[in-house]
């Protein structure tokens, strides 16, 4: 926004380009960056690392404010440095599928990209966020290293092709109504659009109203396609729409979901975290408490 005027798509793109061009090159000796995370230099190198080691996609569900992003990103960078594993910082600029029209959605595309660029500038972390419309792919792709395709939209051909054409890694979440074997086709759309950097993510299936269950065989089935497979450990414990106009859930099961996924051969783990999830603006019941995040991750490293 500029004043009370919403920027158009072209103006947003120019604003993001300007912000990106003003960032200083990151080096391991940068001043005032005690938690600077330098593990890769290109998204291609990141994808190679995600094939070689357990990887972790971590962050708050939605961008509430810049201080929250800095707080969580600092912990994410610390985990990446301490255990020498690929970590990616995630947060959403727009939760476009909230249960209620009155629920908080996020800061929007322009401001959201500014917020993510500041995280990258301060911590050097690779970034991901979700997109919902094809036009967003090119804009967001200038900032992030991985474009996330929401589960509900994983069969949207135009969205998948637009994400693929950015040349960035594309993380396709498995829809709650699809099997692991069905995910061959979304992945094929990305590959045939010229991009073989695909991650597939399990996040549970609907078995009745307001509830999800995970069939961990989906991980095994998706690994047969040759792509890294990630387990979304926090969204899989959701109870969609089951909390009176918003989604409920139970974070108690997150560590067990992660360990079960490890047993089935998961390559990576997606977990949302927040310093005070009970007062978070989105998906609080599912998010890991930030001070507990490292303990949840440690058993997955061996």
C-alpha atoms as a PDB file:
ATOM      1  CA  UNK A   1       0.000   0.000   0.000  1.00  0.00           C
ATOM      2  CA  UNK A   2       1.078   3.599  -0.647  1.00  0.00           C
ATOM      3  CA  UNK A   3      -1.137   5.812   1.460  1.00  0.00           C
ATOM      4  CA  UNK A   4      -4.599   4.414   0.852  1.00  0.00           C
ATOM      5  CA  UNK A   5      -3.805   3.171  -2.655  1.00  0.00           C
ATOM      6  CA  UNK A   6      -3.163  -0.508  -3.402  1.00  0.00           C
ATOM      7  CA  UNK A   7      -0.289  -1.090  -5.774  1.00  0.00           C
ATOM      8  CA  UNK A   8      -0.892  -2.832  -9.080  1.00  0.00           C
ATOM      9  CA  UNK A   9       0.931  -6.011 -10.053  1.00  0.00           C
ATOM     10  CA  UNK A  10       3.594  -4.201 -12.141  1.00  0.00           C
ATOM     11  CA  UNK A  11       4.210  -1.679  -9.367  1.00  0.00           C
ATOM     12  CA  UNK A  12       4.605  -4.473  -6.808  1.00  0.00           C
ATOM     13  CA  UNK A  13       7.126  -6.190  -9.068  1.00  0.00           C
ATOM     14  CA  UNK A  14       9.149  -2.989  -9.462  1.00  0.00           C
ATOM     15  CA  UNK A  15       9.066  -2.375  -5.697  1.00  0.00           C
ATOM     16  CA  UNK A  16      10.387  -5.877  -4.990  1.00  0.00           C
ATOM     17  CA  UNK A  17      13.139  -5.508  -7.617  1.00  0.00           C
ATOM     18  CA  UNK A  18      14.175  -2.225  -6.036  1.00  0.00           C
ATOM     19  CA  UNK A  19      14.299  -3.749  -2.567  1.00  0.00           C
ATOM     20  CA  UNK A  20      16.260  -6.753  -3.782  1.00  0.00           C
ATOM     21  CA  UNK A  21      18.805  -4.604  -5.602  1.00  0.00           C
ATOM     22  CA  UNK A  22      19.458  -2.586  -2.452  1.00  0.00           C
ATOM     23  CA  UNK A  23      20.373  -5.616  -0.331  1.00  0.00           C
ATOM     24  CA  UNK A  24      24.061  -5.879   0.455  1.00  0.00           C
ATOM     25  CA  UNK A  25      25.865  -9.119  -0.460  1.00  0.00           C
ATOM     26  CA  UNK A  26      25.904 -11.511   2.464  1.00  0.00           C
ATOM     27  CA  UNK A  27      29.187 -12.865   3.749  1.00  0.00           C
ATOM     28  CA  UNK A  28      29.954 -15.038   6.772  1.00  0.00           C
ATOM     29  CA  UNK A  29      31.739 -12.075   8.351  1.00  0.00           C
ATOM     30  CA  UNK A  30      28.923  -9.530   7.975  1.00  0.00           C
ATOM     31  CA  UNK A  31      28.664  -7.209  10.944  1.00  0.00           C
ATOM     32  CA  UNK A  32      25.725  -7.417  13.333  1.00  0.00           C
ATOM     33  CA  UNK A  33      24.673 -10.838  12.010  1.00  0.00           C
ATOM     34  CA  UNK A  34      25.713 -13.200  14.749  1.00  0.00           C
ATOM     35  CA  UNK A  35      23.210 -15.802  13.528  1.00  0.00           C
ATOM     36  CA  UNK A  36      23.866 -15.345   9.807  1.00  0.00           C
ATOM     37  CA  UNK A  37      23.156 -18.660   8.103  1.00  0.00           C
ATOM     38  CA  UNK A  38      25.296 -19.358   5.056  1.00  0.00           C
ATOM     39  CA  UNK A  39      24.917 -22.924   3.766  1.00  0.00           C
ATOM     40  CA  UNK A  40      24.195 -22.413   0.077  1.00  0.00           C
ATOM     41  CA  UNK A  41      24.605 -19.798  -2.634  1.00  0.00           C
ATOM     42  CA  UNK A  42      21.909 -20.791  -5.138  1.00  0.00           C
ATOM     43  CA  UNK A  43      18.586 -22.565  -4.984  1.00  0.00           C
ATOM     44  CA  UNK A  44      20.139 -25.324  -7.108  1.00  0.00           C
ATOM     45  CA  UNK A  45      22.740 -25.936  -4.399  1.00  0.00           C
ATOM     46  CA  UNK A  46      19.973 -25.848  -1.792  1.00  0.00           C
ATOM     47  CA  UNK A  47      18.036 -28.515  -3.685  1.00  0.00           C
ATOM     48  CA  UNK A  48      21.136 -30.719  -3.838  1.00  0.00           C
ATOM     49  CA  UNK A  49      21.600 -30.357  -0.082  1.00  0.00           C
ATOM     50  CA  UNK A  50      17.965 -31.261   0.501  1.00  0.00           C
ATOM     51  CA  UNK A  51      18.617 -34.516  -1.337  1.00  0.00           C
ATOM     52  CA  UNK A  52      21.648 -35.300   0.837  1.00  0.00           C
ATOM     53  CA  UNK A  53      20.537 -34.389   4.375  1.00  0.00           C
ATOM     54  CA  UNK A  54      17.326 -34.105   6.382  1.00  0.00           C
ATOM     55  CA  UNK A  55      15.919 -30.643   5.710  1.00  0.00           C
ATOM     56  CA  UNK A  56      13.586 -28.475   7.738  1.00  0.00           C
ATOM     57  CA  UNK A  57      11.066 -25.855   6.596  1.00  0.00           C
ATOM     58  CA  UNK A  58      10.316 -23.757   9.668  1.00  0.00           C
ATOM     59  CA  UNK A  59       8.570 -20.522  10.597  1.00  0.00           C
ATOM     60  CA  UNK A  60       5.367 -18.897  11.801  1.00  0.00           C
ATOM     61  CA  UNK A  61       2.171 -19.636   9.910  1.00  0.00           C
ATOM     62  CA  UNK A  62       1.486 -16.054   8.864  1.00  0.00           C
ATOM     63  CA  UNK A  63       3.469 -12.818   8.900  1.00  0.00           C
ATOM     64  CA  UNK A  64       2.074 -11.014  11.929  1.00  0.00           C
ATOM     65  CA  UNK A  65       4.834  -8.408  12.243  1.00  0.00           C
ATOM     66  CA  UNK A  66       8.534  -8.006  11.470  1.00  0.00           C
ATOM     67  CA  UNK A  67       9.688  -8.658  15.033  1.00  0.00           C
ATOM     68  CA  UNK A  68       7.979 -12.046  15.042  1.00  0.00           C
ATOM     69  CA  UNK A  69       9.759 -13.006  11.826  1.00  0.00           C
ATOM     70  CA  UNK A  70      13.120 -11.947  13.255  1.00  0.00           C
ATOM     71  CA  UNK A  71      12.530 -13.868  16.493  1.00  0.00           C
ATOM     72  CA  UNK A  72      11.655 -17.122  14.754  1.00  0.00           C
ATOM     73  CA  UNK A  73      14.256 -16.703  12.006  1.00  0.00           C
ATOM     74  CA  UNK A  74      16.992 -16.293  14.595  1.00  0.00           C
ATOM     75  CA  UNK A  75      16.085 -19.683  16.079  1.00  0.00           C
ATOM     76  CA  UNK A  76      15.842 -21.290  12.643  1.00  0.00           C
ATOM     77  CA  UNK A  77      19.295 -19.992  11.687  1.00  0.00           C
ATOM     78  CA  UNK A  78      20.681 -21.204  15.008  1.00  0.00           C
ATOM     79  CA  UNK A  79      19.352 -24.728  14.376  1.00  0.00           C
ATOM     80  CA  UNK A  80      20.802 -24.772  10.870  1.00  0.00           C
ATOM     81  CA  UNK A  81      24.230 -23.726  12.111  1.00  0.00           C
ATOM     82  CA  UNK A  82      24.281 -25.976  15.152  1.00  0.00           C
ATOM     83  CA  UNK A  83      23.314 -29.185  13.352  1.00  0.00           C
ATOM     84  CA  UNK A  84      24.668 -28.358   9.870  1.00  0.00           C
ATOM     85  CA  UNK A  85      21.413 -29.188   8.124  1.00  0.00           C
ATOM     86  CA  UNK A  86      19.460 -27.325   5.440  1.00  0.00           C
ATOM     87  CA  UNK A  87      16.846 -25.057   6.996  1.00  0.00           C
ATOM     88  CA  UNK A  88      14.365 -22.852   5.156  1.00  0.00           C
ATOM     89  CA  UNK A  89      12.384 -19.996   6.703  1.00  0.00           C
ATOM     90  CA  UNK A  90       8.660 -20.023   5.913  1.00  0.00           C
ATOM     91  CA  UNK A  91       5.830 -17.588   6.518  1.00  0.00           C
ATOM     92  CA  UNK A  92       2.719 -16.640   4.531  1.00  0.00           C
ATOM     93  CA  UNK A  93       1.931 -13.175   3.220  1.00  0.00           C
ATOM     94  CA  UNK A  94      -1.722 -14.071   2.613  1.00  0.00           C
ATOM     95  CA  UNK A  95      -3.766 -16.885   4.144  1.00  0.00           C
ATOM     96  CA  UNK A  96      -6.255 -16.888   1.314  1.00  0.00           C
ATOM     97  CA  UNK A  97      -8.278 -19.877   2.523  1.00  0.00           C
ATOM     98  CA  UNK A  98      -9.110 -18.928   6.120  1.00  0.00           C
ATOM     99  CA  UNK A  99     -12.328 -20.433   7.465  1.00  0.00           C
ATOM    100  CA  UNK A 100     -13.939 -17.065   8.204  1.00  0.00           C
ATOM    101  CA  UNK A 101     -13.860 -13.853   6.199  1.00  0.00           C
ATOM    102  CA  UNK A 102     -13.142 -12.062   9.478  1.00  0.00           C
ATOM    103  CA  UNK A 103      -9.906 -13.968  10.164  1.00  0.00           C
ATOM    104  CA  UNK A 104      -6.517 -12.292   9.795  1.00  0.00           C
ATOM    105  CA  UNK A 105      -4.970 -13.062   6.404  1.00  0.00           C
ATOM    106  CA  UNK A 106      -1.562 -11.382   6.477  1.00  0.00           C
ATOM    107  CA  UNK A 107       0.200  -8.219   5.289  1.00  0.00           C
ATOM    108  CA  UNK A 108      -0.355  -8.815   1.578  1.00  0.00           C
ATOM    109  CA  UNK A 109       2.005  -9.363  -1.332  1.00  0.00           C
ATOM    110  CA  UNK A 110       3.983  -6.122  -1.413  1.00  0.00           C
ATOM    111  CA  UNK A 111       4.583  -5.724   2.309  1.00  0.00           C
ATOM    112  CA  UNK A 112       5.051  -9.468   2.746  1.00  0.00           C
ATOM    113  CA  UNK A 113       7.913  -9.514   0.233  1.00  0.00           C
ATOM    114  CA  UNK A 114       9.512  -6.564   2.005  1.00  0.00           C
ATOM    115  CA  UNK A 115       9.317  -8.444   5.303  1.00  0.00           C
ATOM    116  CA  UNK A 116      10.877 -11.593   3.838  1.00  0.00           C
ATOM    117  CA  UNK A 117      13.680  -9.636   2.190  1.00  0.00           C
ATOM    118  CA  UNK A 118      14.548  -8.154   5.559  1.00  0.00           C
ATOM    119  CA  UNK A 119      14.776 -11.663   7.033  1.00  0.00           C
ATOM    120  CA  UNK A 120      17.115 -12.725   4.239  1.00  0.00           C
ATOM    121  CA  UNK A 121      19.203  -9.582   4.689  1.00  0.00           C
ATOM    122  CA  UNK A 122      19.602 -10.110   8.433  1.00  0.00           C
ATOM    123  CA  UNK A 123      20.011 -13.899   8.618  1.00  0.00           C
ATOM    124  CA  UNK A 124      20.941 -15.139   5.155  1.00  0.00           C
ATOM    125  CA  UNK A 125      18.275 -17.832   5.325  1.00  0.00           C
ATOM    126  CA  UNK A 126      16.712 -19.445   2.266  1.00  0.00           C
ATOM    127  CA  UNK A 127      13.034 -18.531   2.097  1.00  0.00           C
ATOM    128  CA  UNK A 128       9.710 -20.023   1.100  1.00  0.00           C
ATOM    129  CA  UNK A 129       6.124 -18.841   1.031  1.00  0.00           C
ATOM    130  CA  UNK A 130       2.914 -20.000  -0.596  1.00  0.00           C
ATOM    131  CA  UNK A 131       1.304 -18.545  -3.704  1.00  0.00           C
ATOM    132  CA  UNK A 132      -2.333 -18.774  -4.723  1.00  0.00           C
ATOM    133  CA  UNK A 133      -2.562 -17.189  -8.183  1.00  0.00           C
ATOM    134  CA  UNK A 134      -0.299 -17.596 -11.222  1.00  0.00           C
ATOM    135  CA  UNK A 135       0.651 -13.898 -11.437  1.00  0.00           C
ATOM    136  CA  UNK A 136       2.182 -14.100  -7.952  1.00  0.00           C
ATOM    137  CA  UNK A 137       4.800 -16.653  -9.006  1.00  0.00           C
ATOM    138  CA  UNK A 138       7.132 -14.297 -10.865  1.00  0.00           C
ATOM    139  CA  UNK A 139       6.942 -11.609  -8.172  1.00  0.00           C
ATOM    140  CA  UNK A 140       7.450 -13.956  -5.230  1.00  0.00           C
ATOM    141  CA  UNK A 141      10.109 -15.894  -7.141  1.00  0.00           C
ATOM    142  CA  UNK A 142      12.328 -12.812  -7.080  1.00  0.00           C
ATOM    143  CA  UNK A 143      12.502 -13.095  -3.283  1.00  0.00           C
ATOM    144  CA  UNK A 144      12.143 -16.723  -2.219  1.00  0.00           C
ATOM    145  CA  UNK A 145      14.068 -19.895  -3.003  1.00  0.00           C
ATOM    146  CA  UNK A 146      11.100 -22.273  -2.835  1.00  0.00           C
ATOM    147  CA  UNK A 147       7.578 -21.599  -4.084  1.00  0.00           C
ATOM    148  CA  UNK A 148       4.982 -23.492  -2.065  1.00  0.00           C
ATOM    149  CA  UNK A 149       1.787 -24.683  -3.743  1.00  0.00           C
ATOM    150  CA  UNK A 150      -1.082 -25.025  -1.234  1.00  0.00           C
ATOM    151  CA  UNK A 151      -2.698 -28.436  -0.913  1.00  0.00           C
ATOM    152  CA  UNK A 152      -6.125 -27.242  -2.051  1.00  0.00           C
ATOM    153  CA  UNK A 153      -4.523 -25.866  -5.244  1.00  0.00           C
ATOM    154  CA  UNK A 154      -2.100 -28.657  -6.097  1.00  0.00           C
ATOM    155  CA  UNK A 155      -3.921 -29.618  -9.307  1.00  0.00           C
ATOM    156  CA  UNK A 156      -4.171 -26.042 -10.655  1.00  0.00           C
ATOM    157  CA  UNK A 157      -2.196 -26.342 -13.863  1.00  0.00           C
ATOM    158  CA  UNK A 158      -1.658 -22.630 -14.486  1.00  0.00           C
ATOM    159  CA  UNK A 159      -0.361 -22.135 -10.943  1.00  0.00           C
ATOM    160  CA  UNK A 160       2.040 -25.082 -11.175  1.00  0.00           C
ATOM    161  CA  UNK A 161       3.350 -24.017 -14.592  1.00  0.00           C
ATOM    162  CA  UNK A 162       3.851 -20.416 -13.457  1.00  0.00           C
ATOM    163  CA  UNK A 163       5.773 -21.603 -10.407  1.00  0.00           C
ATOM    164  CA  UNK A 164       7.890 -23.942 -12.534  1.00  0.00           C
ATOM    165  CA  UNK A 165       8.827 -21.181 -14.973  1.00  0.00           C
ATOM    166  CA  UNK A 166      10.479 -19.128 -12.218  1.00  0.00           C
ATOM    167  CA  UNK A 167      13.244 -21.731 -12.072  1.00  0.00           C
ATOM    168  CA  UNK A 168      12.906 -21.915  -8.307  1.00  0.00           C
ATOM    169  CA  UNK A 169      12.267 -25.066  -6.288  1.00  0.00           C
ATOM    170  CA  UNK A 170       8.547 -25.922  -6.244  1.00  0.00           C
ATOM    171  CA  UNK A 171       7.109 -27.572  -3.131  1.00  0.00           C
ATOM    172  CA  UNK A 172       3.732 -29.102  -3.954  1.00  0.00           C
ATOM    173  CA  UNK A 173       1.598 -30.027  -0.967  1.00  0.00           C
ATOM    174  CA  UNK A 174      -0.563 -33.103  -1.427  1.00  0.00           C
ATOM    175  CA  UNK A 175      -4.260 -32.302  -1.379  1.00  0.00           C
ATOM    176  CA  UNK A 176      -6.344 -33.681   1.463  1.00  0.00           C
ATOM    177  CA  UNK A 177      -8.432 -35.530  -1.148  1.00  0.00           C
ATOM    178  CA  UNK A 178      -5.555 -37.175  -3.070  1.00  0.00           C
ATOM    179  CA  UNK A 179      -3.435 -40.258  -2.521  1.00  0.00           C
ATOM    180  CA  UNK A 180       0.325 -40.257  -2.670  1.00  0.00           C
ATOM    181  CA  UNK A 181       0.179 -42.030  -6.030  1.00  0.00           C
ATOM    182  CA  UNK A 182      -2.033 -39.242  -7.412  1.00  0.00           C
ATOM    183  CA  UNK A 183       0.793 -36.747  -6.827  1.00  0.00           C
ATOM    184  CA  UNK A 184       2.642 -38.053  -9.875  1.00  0.00           C
ATOM    185  CA  UNK A 185       0.514 -35.741 -12.006  1.00  0.00           C
ATOM    186  CA  UNK A 186       1.084 -32.390 -10.213  1.00  0.00           C
ATOM    187  CA  UNK A 187       4.811 -33.162 -10.188  1.00  0.00           C
ATOM    188  CA  UNK A 188       4.682 -34.025 -13.886  1.00  0.00           C
ATOM    189  CA  UNK A 189       3.135 -30.624 -14.660  1.00  0.00           C
ATOM    190  CA  UNK A 190       6.076 -28.856 -13.018  1.00  0.00           C
ATOM    191  CA  UNK A 191       8.648 -31.062 -14.754  1.00  0.00           C
ATOM    192  CA  UNK A 192       7.088 -30.718 -18.194  1.00  0.00           C
ATOM    193  CA  UNK A 193       7.049 -26.952 -17.719  1.00  0.00           C
ATOM    194  CA  UNK A 194      10.856 -27.208 -17.585  1.00  0.00           C
ATOM    195  CA  UNK A 195      11.675 -27.512 -13.905  1.00  0.00           C
ATOM    196  CA  UNK A 196      12.778 -30.751 -12.228  1.00  0.00           C
ATOM    197  CA  UNK A 197      13.313 -29.205  -8.778  1.00  0.00           C
ATOM    198  CA  UNK A 198      10.196 -30.615  -7.140  1.00  0.00           C
ATOM    199  CA  UNK A 199       9.401 -31.406  -3.502  1.00  0.00           C
ATOM    200  CA  UNK A 200       6.229 -33.270  -2.571  1.00  0.00           C
ATOM    201  CA  UNK A 201       4.717 -32.745   0.869  1.00  0.00           C
ATOM    202  CA  UNK A 202       2.348 -34.994   2.811  1.00  0.00           C
ATOM    203  CA  UNK A 203      -0.168 -33.181   5.029  1.00  0.00           C
ATOM    204  CA  UNK A 204      -2.929 -35.664   5.785  1.00  0.00           C
ATOM    205  CA  UNK A 205      -6.286 -36.631   4.320  1.00  0.00           C
ATOM    206  CA  UNK A 206      -9.855 -35.826   5.218  1.00  0.00           C
ATOM    207  CA  UNK A 207     -11.674 -38.744   6.808  1.00  0.00           C
ATOM    208  CA  UNK A 208     -14.917 -37.150   7.958  1.00  0.00           C
ATOM    209  CA  UNK A 209     -15.752 -33.619   8.984  1.00  0.00           C
ATOM    210  CA  UNK A 210     -13.292 -31.371  10.870  1.00  0.00           C
ATOM    211  CA  UNK A 211     -10.564 -33.970  11.072  1.00  0.00           C
ATOM    212  CA  UNK A 212      -7.467 -35.220   9.290  1.00  0.00           C
ATOM    213  CA  UNK A 213      -5.672 -38.540   9.373  1.00  0.00           C
ATOM    214  CA  UNK A 214      -2.275 -39.358   7.913  1.00  0.00           C
ATOM    215  CA  UNK A 215      -1.718 -42.453   5.824  1.00  0.00           C
ATOM    216  CA  UNK A 216       2.069 -42.648   6.034  1.00  0.00           C
ATOM    217  CA  UNK A 217       2.174 -45.013   3.071  1.00  0.00           C
ATOM    218  CA  UNK A 218       1.757 -41.857   0.980  1.00  0.00           C
ATOM    219  CA  UNK A 219       5.351 -40.914   1.830  1.00  0.00           C
ATOM    220  CA  UNK A 220       6.637 -44.226   0.521  1.00  0.00           C
ATOM    221  CA  UNK A 221       4.482 -43.944  -2.596  1.00  0.00           C
ATOM    222  CA  UNK A 222       5.627 -40.387  -3.393  1.00  0.00           C
ATOM    223  CA  UNK A 223       9.291 -41.257  -2.895  1.00  0.00           C
ATOM    224  CA  UNK A 224       8.923 -43.707  -5.795  1.00  0.00           C
ATOM    225  CA  UNK A 225       8.725 -40.692  -8.147  1.00  0.00           C
ATOM    226  CA  UNK A 226      12.297 -39.713  -7.272  1.00  0.00           C
ATOM    227  CA  UNK A 227      11.555 -36.343  -5.642  1.00  0.00           C
ATOM    228  CA  UNK A 228      12.379 -35.337  -2.059  1.00  0.00           C
ATOM    229  CA  UNK A 229       9.352 -35.932   0.150  1.00  0.00           C
ATOM    230  CA  UNK A 230       8.557 -33.674   3.087  1.00  0.00           C
ATOM    231  CA  UNK A 231       6.204 -34.281   6.014  1.00  0.00           C
ATOM    232  CA  UNK A 232       4.066 -31.346   7.114  1.00  0.00           C
ATOM    233  CA  UNK A 233       4.021 -32.181  10.795  1.00  0.00           C
ATOM    234  CA  UNK A 234       1.872 -29.267  11.946  1.00  0.00           C
ATOM    235  CA  UNK A 235      -0.889 -28.940   9.343  1.00  0.00           C
ATOM    236  CA  UNK A 236      -1.417 -32.692   9.568  1.00  0.00           C
ATOM    237  CA  UNK A 237      -2.656 -32.270  13.157  1.00  0.00           C
ATOM    238  CA  UNK A 238      -5.274 -29.695  12.143  1.00  0.00           C
ATOM    239  CA  UNK A 239      -8.968 -30.016  12.710  1.00  0.00           C
ATOM    240  CA  UNK A 240     -10.137 -27.911   9.758  1.00  0.00           C
ATOM    241  CA  UNK A 241     -12.937 -25.520  10.615  1.00  0.00           C
ATOM    242  CA  UNK A 242     -13.396 -27.348  13.879  1.00  0.00           C
ATOM    243  CA  UNK A 243     -12.971 -24.456  16.303  1.00  0.00           C
ATOM    244  CA  UNK A 244     -15.997 -22.301  15.670  1.00  0.00           C
ATOM    245  CA  UNK A 245     -15.127 -20.279  12.573  1.00  0.00           C
ATOM    246  CA  UNK A 246     -11.451 -21.173  12.599  1.00  0.00           C
ATOM    247  CA  UNK A 247      -9.267 -24.238  12.337  1.00  0.00           C
ATOM    248  CA  UNK A 248      -8.388 -26.148  15.475  1.00  0.00           C
ATOM    249  CA  UNK A 249      -5.787 -28.811  16.103  1.00  0.00           C
ATOM    250  CA  UNK A 250      -3.474 -30.362  18.654  1.00  0.00           C
ATOM    251  CA  UNK A 251       0.277 -29.727  18.644  1.00  0.00           C
ATOM    252  CA  UNK A 252       0.765 -32.631  21.080  1.00  0.00           C
ATOM    253  CA  UNK A 253       0.927 -34.993  18.111  1.00  0.00           C
ATOM    254  CA  UNK A 254       3.533 -33.084  16.093  1.00  0.00           C
ATOM    255  CA  UNK A 255       6.606 -34.985  17.415  1.00  0.00           C
ATOM    256  CA  UNK A 256       4.901 -38.320  16.796  1.00  0.00           C
ATOM    257  CA  UNK A 257       3.913 -37.328  13.267  1.00  0.00           C
ATOM    258  CA  UNK A 258       7.533 -36.420  12.576  1.00  0.00           C
ATOM    259  CA  UNK A 259       8.950 -39.652  13.951  1.00  0.00           C
ATOM    260  CA  UNK A 260       6.426 -41.779  12.054  1.00  0.00           C
ATOM    261  CA  UNK A 261       7.295 -39.904   8.860  1.00  0.00           C
ATOM    262  CA  UNK A 262      10.974 -40.583   9.493  1.00  0.00           C
ATOM    263  CA  UNK A 263      10.226 -44.285   9.781  1.00  0.00           C
ATOM    264  CA  UNK A 264       8.550 -44.168   6.365  1.00  0.00           C
ATOM    265  CA  UNK A 265      11.565 -42.456   4.795  1.00  0.00           C
ATOM    266  CA  UNK A 266      10.671 -38.749   4.786  1.00  0.00           C
ATOM    267  CA  UNK A 267      13.483 -36.551   3.474  1.00  0.00           C
ATOM    268  CA  UNK A 268      12.368 -33.360   5.177  1.00  0.00           C
ATOM    269  CA  UNK A 269      10.028 -31.894   7.766  1.00  0.00           C
ATOM    270  CA  UNK A 270       7.764 -28.854   7.664  1.00  0.00           C
ATOM    271  CA  UNK A 271       6.880 -27.366  11.054  1.00  0.00           C
ATOM    272  CA  UNK A 272       5.346 -24.045  11.913  1.00  0.00           C
ATOM    273  CA  UNK A 273       6.546 -22.467  15.144  1.00  0.00           C
ATOM    274  CA  UNK A 274       5.670 -19.424  17.232  1.00  0.00           C
ATOM    275  CA  UNK A 275       6.921 -18.025  20.543  1.00  0.00           C
ATOM    276  CA  UNK A 276       3.336 -17.809  21.823  1.00  0.00           C
ATOM    277  CA  UNK A 277       1.153 -20.013  19.613  1.00  0.00           C
ATOM    278  CA  UNK A 278      -1.891 -19.790  21.874  1.00  0.00           C
ATOM    279  CA  UNK A 279      -2.113 -16.124  20.897  1.00  0.00           C
ATOM    280  CA  UNK A 280      -1.032 -16.499  17.267  1.00  0.00           C
ATOM    281  CA  UNK A 281      -3.216 -14.977  14.552  1.00  0.00           C
ATOM    282  CA  UNK A 282      -3.428 -18.183  12.482  1.00  0.00           C
ATOM    283  CA  UNK A 283      -3.086 -21.918  13.171  1.00  0.00           C
ATOM    284  CA  UNK A 284      -2.007 -21.443  16.768  1.00  0.00           C
ATOM    285  CA  UNK A 285      -3.267 -24.831  18.047  1.00  0.00           C
ATOM    286  CA  UNK A 286      -0.993 -26.665  15.604  1.00  0.00           C
ATOM    287  CA  UNK A 287       2.212 -24.669  15.898  1.00  0.00           C
ATOM    288  CA  UNK A 288       5.185 -25.826  17.946  1.00  0.00           C
ATOM    289  CA  UNK A 289       6.235 -23.544  20.778  1.00  0.00           C
ATOM    290  CA  UNK A 290       9.443 -21.913  19.626  1.00  0.00           C
ATOM    291  CA  UNK A 291      11.404 -22.862  22.738  1.00  0.00           C
ATOM    292  CA  UNK A 292      10.469 -26.524  22.139  1.00  0.00           C
ATOM    293  CA  UNK A 293      11.309 -26.593  18.428  1.00  0.00           C
ATOM    294  CA  UNK A 294      14.886 -27.822  18.751  1.00  0.00           C
ATOM    295  CA  UNK A 295      13.854 -30.750  20.958  1.00  0.00           C
ATOM    296  CA  UNK A 296      11.281 -31.809  18.367  1.00  0.00           C
ATOM    297  CA  UNK A 297      13.904 -31.670  15.620  1.00  0.00           C
ATOM    298  CA  UNK A 298      16.811 -33.444  17.350  1.00  0.00           C
ATOM    299  CA  UNK A 299      15.404 -37.015  17.086  1.00  0.00           C
ATOM    300  CA  UNK A 300      14.975 -36.537  13.335  1.00  0.00           C
ATOM    301  CA  UNK A 301      18.646 -35.852  12.628  1.00  0.00           C
ATOM    302  CA  UNK A 302      20.115 -39.328  12.977  1.00  0.00           C
END
